[in-house]
N, C-alpha and C. Protein backbone atom coordinates (compact mmCIF):
# COMPACT_ATOMS: atom_id res chain seq x y z
N UNK A 1 -7.82 -16.68 3.51
CA UNK A 1 -7.35 -15.34 3.25
C UNK A 1 -6.20 -15.00 4.21
N UNK A 2 -5.42 -14.09 3.79
CA UNK A 2 -4.24 -13.66 4.55
C UNK A 2 -4.65 -12.84 5.77
N UNK A 3 -3.96 -13.03 6.90
CA UNK A 3 -4.14 -12.18 8.07
C UNK A 3 -3.23 -10.97 7.85
N UNK A 4 -3.82 -9.92 7.30
CA UNK A 4 -3.05 -8.75 6.84
C UNK A 4 -2.31 -8.05 7.97
N UNK A 5 -2.90 -7.96 9.15
CA UNK A 5 -2.24 -7.26 10.25
C UNK A 5 -1.02 -8.03 10.74
N UNK A 6 -1.15 -9.34 10.90
CA UNK A 6 -0.02 -10.16 11.31
C UNK A 6 1.08 -10.13 10.25
N UNK A 7 0.67 -10.24 9.00
CA UNK A 7 1.63 -10.20 7.89
C UNK A 7 2.40 -8.88 7.88
N UNK A 8 1.67 -7.76 8.00
CA UNK A 8 2.31 -6.43 7.96
C UNK A 8 3.30 -6.28 9.12
N UNK A 9 2.92 -6.73 10.31
CA UNK A 9 3.82 -6.63 11.47
C UNK A 9 5.08 -7.47 11.26
N UNK A 10 4.92 -8.67 10.75
CA UNK A 10 6.08 -9.53 10.48
C UNK A 10 6.97 -8.91 9.40
N UNK A 11 6.35 -8.39 8.37
CA UNK A 11 7.09 -7.76 7.28
C UNK A 11 7.91 -6.57 7.78
N UNK A 12 7.31 -5.73 8.62
CA UNK A 12 8.03 -4.57 9.14
C UNK A 12 9.23 -5.01 9.99
N UNK A 13 9.07 -6.10 10.71
CA UNK A 13 10.19 -6.65 11.48
C UNK A 13 11.34 -7.09 10.58
N UNK A 14 11.00 -7.76 9.51
CA UNK A 14 12.03 -8.23 8.56
C UNK A 14 12.70 -7.05 7.86
N UNK A 15 11.92 -6.03 7.52
CA UNK A 15 12.51 -4.85 6.89
C UNK A 15 13.44 -4.14 7.88
N UNK A 16 13.05 -4.14 9.16
CA UNK A 16 13.94 -3.60 10.19
C UNK A 16 15.26 -4.34 10.23
N UNK A 17 15.20 -5.67 10.11
CA UNK A 17 16.43 -6.47 10.07
C UNK A 17 17.26 -6.12 8.85
N UNK A 18 16.60 -5.98 7.70
CA UNK A 18 17.31 -5.61 6.48
C UNK A 18 17.97 -4.23 6.65
N UNK A 19 17.27 -3.32 7.34
CA UNK A 19 17.82 -1.99 7.59
C UNK A 19 19.10 -2.04 8.41
N UNK A 20 19.20 -3.01 9.30
CA UNK A 20 20.44 -3.17 10.08
C UNK A 20 21.56 -3.74 9.23
N UNK A 21 21.21 -4.64 8.32
CA UNK A 21 22.20 -5.27 7.46
C UNK A 21 22.64 -4.37 6.30
N UNK A 22 21.70 -3.58 5.79
CA UNK A 22 21.97 -2.72 4.64
C UNK A 22 21.24 -1.39 4.82
N UNK A 23 21.73 -0.57 5.75
CA UNK A 23 21.00 0.65 6.10
C UNK A 23 20.80 1.62 4.94
N UNK A 24 21.77 1.73 4.04
CA UNK A 24 21.61 2.67 2.93
C UNK A 24 20.52 2.24 1.96
N UNK A 25 20.32 0.93 1.81
CA UNK A 25 19.25 0.45 0.91
C UNK A 25 17.88 0.87 1.44
N UNK A 26 17.65 0.64 2.72
CA UNK A 26 16.36 1.01 3.31
C UNK A 26 16.22 2.53 3.37
N UNK A 27 17.29 3.22 3.72
CA UNK A 27 17.26 4.68 3.76
C UNK A 27 16.94 5.24 2.38
N UNK A 28 17.53 4.69 1.34
CA UNK A 28 17.26 5.14 -0.03
C UNK A 28 15.80 4.97 -0.39
N UNK A 29 15.22 3.83 0.00
CA UNK A 29 13.80 3.61 -0.25
C UNK A 29 12.96 4.65 0.48
N UNK A 30 13.29 4.91 1.75
CA UNK A 30 12.52 5.87 2.54
C UNK A 30 12.60 7.28 1.96
N UNK A 31 13.76 7.66 1.46
CA UNK A 31 13.92 8.97 0.84
C UNK A 31 13.03 9.06 -0.41
N UNK A 32 13.10 8.04 -1.26
CA UNK A 32 12.28 8.03 -2.48
C UNK A 32 10.79 8.00 -2.14
N UNK A 33 10.44 7.21 -1.15
CA UNK A 33 9.04 7.07 -0.76
C UNK A 33 8.45 8.37 -0.24
N UNK A 34 9.23 9.15 0.47
CA UNK A 34 8.74 10.39 1.06
C UNK A 34 8.90 11.62 0.20
N UNK A 35 9.58 11.48 -0.95
CA UNK A 35 9.89 12.65 -1.77
C UNK A 35 8.64 13.38 -2.26
N UNK A 36 7.64 12.64 -2.71
CA UNK A 36 6.44 13.27 -3.24
C UNK A 36 5.67 14.06 -2.21
N UNK A 37 5.71 13.62 -0.96
CA UNK A 37 4.96 14.30 0.10
C UNK A 37 5.50 15.70 0.35
N UNK A 38 6.73 15.95 0.02
CA UNK A 38 7.35 17.25 0.30
C UNK A 38 6.80 18.36 -0.60
N UNK A 39 6.27 18.01 -1.76
CA UNK A 39 5.75 19.05 -2.66
C UNK A 39 4.40 19.57 -2.20
N UNK A 40 3.62 18.72 -1.54
CA UNK A 40 2.32 19.13 -1.03
C UNK A 40 1.23 19.28 -2.07
N UNK A 41 1.44 18.78 -3.28
CA UNK A 41 0.42 18.90 -4.32
C UNK A 41 -0.74 17.92 -4.13
N UNK A 42 -0.46 16.79 -3.52
CA UNK A 42 -1.49 15.80 -3.22
C UNK A 42 -1.56 15.61 -1.71
N UNK A 43 -2.77 15.40 -1.21
CA UNK A 43 -2.88 15.11 0.22
C UNK A 43 -2.49 13.65 0.47
N UNK A 44 -2.25 13.32 1.73
CA UNK A 44 -1.76 11.98 2.07
C UNK A 44 -2.77 10.89 1.71
N UNK A 45 -4.05 11.17 1.87
CA UNK A 45 -5.05 10.15 1.52
C UNK A 45 -4.96 9.82 0.03
N UNK A 46 -4.85 10.84 -0.80
CA UNK A 46 -4.75 10.61 -2.25
C UNK A 46 -3.48 9.84 -2.58
N UNK A 47 -2.38 10.21 -1.95
CA UNK A 47 -1.11 9.49 -2.18
C UNK A 47 -1.25 8.02 -1.80
N UNK A 48 -1.95 7.74 -0.70
CA UNK A 48 -2.11 6.35 -0.26
C UNK A 48 -3.06 5.58 -1.18
N UNK A 49 -4.09 6.24 -1.69
CA UNK A 49 -4.99 5.58 -2.65
C UNK A 49 -4.24 5.24 -3.93
N UNK A 50 -3.41 6.15 -4.40
CA UNK A 50 -2.60 5.87 -5.59
C UNK A 50 -1.64 4.72 -5.28
N UNK A 51 -1.00 4.78 -4.13
CA UNK A 51 -0.06 3.73 -3.74
C UNK A 51 -0.74 2.37 -3.67
N UNK A 52 -1.95 2.33 -3.14
CA UNK A 52 -2.69 1.08 -3.05
C UNK A 52 -3.03 0.55 -4.45
N UNK A 53 -3.46 1.43 -5.34
CA UNK A 53 -3.76 1.01 -6.71
C UNK A 53 -2.51 0.48 -7.41
N UNK A 54 -1.39 1.15 -7.22
CA UNK A 54 -0.14 0.68 -7.83
C UNK A 54 0.28 -0.65 -7.20
N UNK A 55 0.10 -0.79 -5.89
CA UNK A 55 0.44 -2.04 -5.21
C UNK A 55 -0.34 -3.21 -5.82
N UNK A 56 -1.59 -2.97 -6.17
CA UNK A 56 -2.40 -4.01 -6.81
C UNK A 56 -1.81 -4.37 -8.17
N UNK A 57 -1.46 -3.36 -8.96
CA UNK A 57 -0.95 -3.65 -10.30
C UNK A 57 0.42 -4.30 -10.28
N UNK A 58 1.20 -4.07 -9.22
CA UNK A 58 2.51 -4.71 -9.12
C UNK A 58 2.47 -6.00 -8.32
N UNK A 59 1.29 -6.33 -7.80
CA UNK A 59 1.06 -7.57 -7.06
C UNK A 59 1.98 -7.70 -5.84
N UNK A 60 2.08 -6.61 -5.08
CA UNK A 60 2.95 -6.59 -3.91
C UNK A 60 2.09 -6.65 -2.64
N UNK A 61 1.99 -7.83 -2.04
CA UNK A 61 1.17 -7.99 -0.83
C UNK A 61 1.64 -7.09 0.30
N UNK A 62 2.95 -6.95 0.46
CA UNK A 62 3.46 -6.07 1.50
C UNK A 62 3.02 -4.63 1.28
N UNK A 63 3.10 -4.18 0.03
CA UNK A 63 2.66 -2.82 -0.31
C UNK A 63 1.16 -2.66 -0.09
N UNK A 64 0.38 -3.66 -0.48
CA UNK A 64 -1.07 -3.62 -0.27
C UNK A 64 -1.35 -3.48 1.22
N UNK A 65 -0.69 -4.29 2.03
CA UNK A 65 -0.93 -4.27 3.46
C UNK A 65 -0.62 -2.91 4.07
N UNK A 66 0.54 -2.35 3.76
CA UNK A 66 0.96 -1.07 4.33
C UNK A 66 0.07 0.06 3.82
N UNK A 67 -0.17 0.12 2.53
CA UNK A 67 -0.92 1.25 1.97
C UNK A 67 -2.42 1.16 2.24
N UNK A 68 -2.95 -0.05 2.43
CA UNK A 68 -4.35 -0.18 2.87
C UNK A 68 -4.50 0.43 4.26
N UNK A 69 -3.58 0.08 5.15
CA UNK A 69 -3.64 0.62 6.51
C UNK A 69 -3.49 2.14 6.49
N UNK A 70 -2.51 2.65 5.73
CA UNK A 70 -2.28 4.09 5.69
C UNK A 70 -3.44 4.83 5.03
N UNK A 71 -4.06 4.23 4.03
CA UNK A 71 -5.22 4.86 3.40
C UNK A 71 -6.35 5.02 4.41
N UNK A 72 -6.62 3.95 5.17
CA UNK A 72 -7.67 4.00 6.19
C UNK A 72 -7.30 5.02 7.26
N UNK A 73 -6.05 5.02 7.72
CA UNK A 73 -5.61 5.98 8.74
C UNK A 73 -5.76 7.43 8.28
N UNK A 74 -5.67 7.65 6.97
CA UNK A 74 -5.77 9.00 6.42
C UNK A 74 -7.17 9.32 5.92
N UNK A 75 -8.15 8.51 6.33
CA UNK A 75 -9.55 8.84 6.08
C UNK A 75 -10.17 8.29 4.83
N UNK A 76 -9.48 7.41 4.12
CA UNK A 76 -10.07 6.84 2.90
C UNK A 76 -11.25 5.96 3.26
N UNK A 77 -12.34 6.14 2.54
CA UNK A 77 -13.51 5.29 2.72
C UNK A 77 -13.37 4.06 1.84
N UNK A 78 -14.16 3.06 2.15
CA UNK A 78 -14.15 1.85 1.32
C UNK A 78 -14.56 2.18 -0.11
N UNK A 79 -15.47 3.15 -0.26
CA UNK A 79 -15.91 3.57 -1.60
C UNK A 79 -14.77 4.23 -2.37
N UNK A 80 -13.99 5.06 -1.69
CA UNK A 80 -12.83 5.69 -2.35
C UNK A 80 -11.79 4.65 -2.73
N UNK A 81 -11.56 3.70 -1.83
CA UNK A 81 -10.63 2.61 -2.14
C UNK A 81 -11.12 1.86 -3.37
N UNK A 82 -12.41 1.56 -3.41
CA UNK A 82 -12.97 0.82 -4.55
C UNK A 82 -12.79 1.60 -5.84
N UNK A 83 -12.95 2.92 -5.80
CA UNK A 83 -12.77 3.73 -7.02
C UNK A 83 -11.31 3.70 -7.47
N UNK A 84 -10.38 3.83 -6.53
CA UNK A 84 -8.96 3.75 -6.87
C UNK A 84 -8.61 2.38 -7.44
N UNK A 85 -9.19 1.33 -6.84
CA UNK A 85 -8.94 -0.02 -7.34
C UNK A 85 -9.55 -0.22 -8.72
N UNK A 86 -10.64 0.49 -8.99
CA UNK A 86 -11.24 0.45 -10.33
C UNK A 86 -10.28 0.97 -11.39
N UNK A 87 -9.52 1.99 -11.05
CA UNK A 87 -8.50 2.50 -11.97
C UNK A 87 -7.43 1.44 -12.19
N UNK A 88 -7.01 0.78 -11.11
CA UNK A 88 -6.01 -0.28 -11.24
C UNK A 88 -6.54 -1.41 -12.11
N UNK A 89 -7.81 -1.76 -11.93
CA UNK A 89 -8.41 -2.83 -12.74
C UNK A 89 -8.41 -2.45 -14.21
N UNK A 90 -8.78 -1.20 -14.48
CA UNK A 90 -8.80 -0.75 -15.87
C UNK A 90 -7.40 -0.79 -16.48
N UNK A 91 -6.39 -0.51 -15.66
CA UNK A 91 -5.02 -0.46 -16.15
C UNK A 91 -4.38 -1.85 -16.23
N UNK A 92 -4.86 -2.77 -15.45
CA UNK A 92 -4.17 -4.05 -15.36
C UNK A 92 -5.11 -5.25 -15.50
N UNK A 93 -6.33 -5.00 -15.85
CA UNK A 93 -7.34 -6.03 -16.14
C UNK A 93 -7.39 -7.17 -15.14
N UNK A 94 -7.28 -8.38 -15.58
CA UNK A 94 -7.53 -9.55 -14.76
C UNK A 94 -6.69 -9.67 -13.50
N UNK A 95 -5.40 -9.47 -13.62
CA UNK A 95 -4.53 -9.60 -12.44
C UNK A 95 -4.90 -8.58 -11.38
N UNK A 96 -5.20 -7.37 -11.81
CA UNK A 96 -5.58 -6.33 -10.86
C UNK A 96 -6.93 -6.66 -10.21
N UNK A 97 -7.83 -7.29 -10.93
CA UNK A 97 -9.12 -7.66 -10.36
C UNK A 97 -8.92 -8.64 -9.20
N UNK A 98 -8.08 -9.64 -9.40
CA UNK A 98 -7.80 -10.60 -8.34
C UNK A 98 -7.13 -9.92 -7.15
N UNK A 99 -6.15 -9.07 -7.40
CA UNK A 99 -5.45 -8.41 -6.30
C UNK A 99 -6.29 -7.32 -5.65
N UNK A 100 -7.26 -6.78 -6.35
CA UNK A 100 -8.19 -5.84 -5.72
C UNK A 100 -9.00 -6.53 -4.63
N UNK A 101 -9.39 -7.77 -4.89
CA UNK A 101 -10.10 -8.54 -3.85
C UNK A 101 -9.19 -8.70 -2.63
N UNK A 102 -7.92 -8.93 -2.85
CA UNK A 102 -6.95 -9.04 -1.75
C UNK A 102 -6.81 -7.70 -1.02
N UNK A 103 -6.78 -6.60 -1.78
CA UNK A 103 -6.64 -5.27 -1.16
C UNK A 103 -7.87 -4.94 -0.32
N UNK A 104 -9.06 -5.33 -0.76
CA UNK A 104 -10.26 -5.11 0.04
C UNK A 104 -10.17 -5.89 1.35
N UNK A 105 -9.64 -7.11 1.30
CA UNK A 105 -9.42 -7.88 2.53
C UNK A 105 -8.48 -7.12 3.46
N UNK A 106 -7.43 -6.52 2.90
CA UNK A 106 -6.47 -5.77 3.72
C UNK A 106 -7.11 -4.54 4.32
N UNK A 107 -7.96 -3.85 3.56
CA UNK A 107 -8.67 -2.67 4.08
C UNK A 107 -9.61 -3.08 5.20
N UNK A 108 -10.34 -4.17 5.02
CA UNK A 108 -11.24 -4.67 6.07
C UNK A 108 -10.46 -4.99 7.33
N UNK A 109 -9.29 -5.59 7.17
CA UNK A 109 -8.47 -5.95 8.31
C UNK A 109 -7.94 -4.70 9.02
N UNK A 110 -7.70 -3.63 8.26
CA UNK A 110 -7.15 -2.39 8.84
C UNK A 110 -8.23 -1.56 9.52
N UNK A 111 -9.49 -1.81 9.18
CA UNK A 111 -10.58 -1.00 9.72
C UNK A 111 -10.93 -1.42 11.13
């Protein structure tokens, strides 16, 4: 299994390098990523649970790693994570089932 904490740290370093090479690309992502939080309709835990479920359906290990950590930091329980992943499984069937197992590993590593 993947060492999610080491992977996430290495990934953030590489994204930092990309930000130096192409600052507007990373800035654009950060603006889009934070836009929903400004409305205040969803709390951060809910946003992170949705992000984790979407990360599973898009098969993005980096996204799984970051959003698993942020979900835990914002108080998501393993049961809440499992329910969100259940939605991803329903939406994406087999591939989401496999990546949900990976997301649970990431949540365990973040805890």
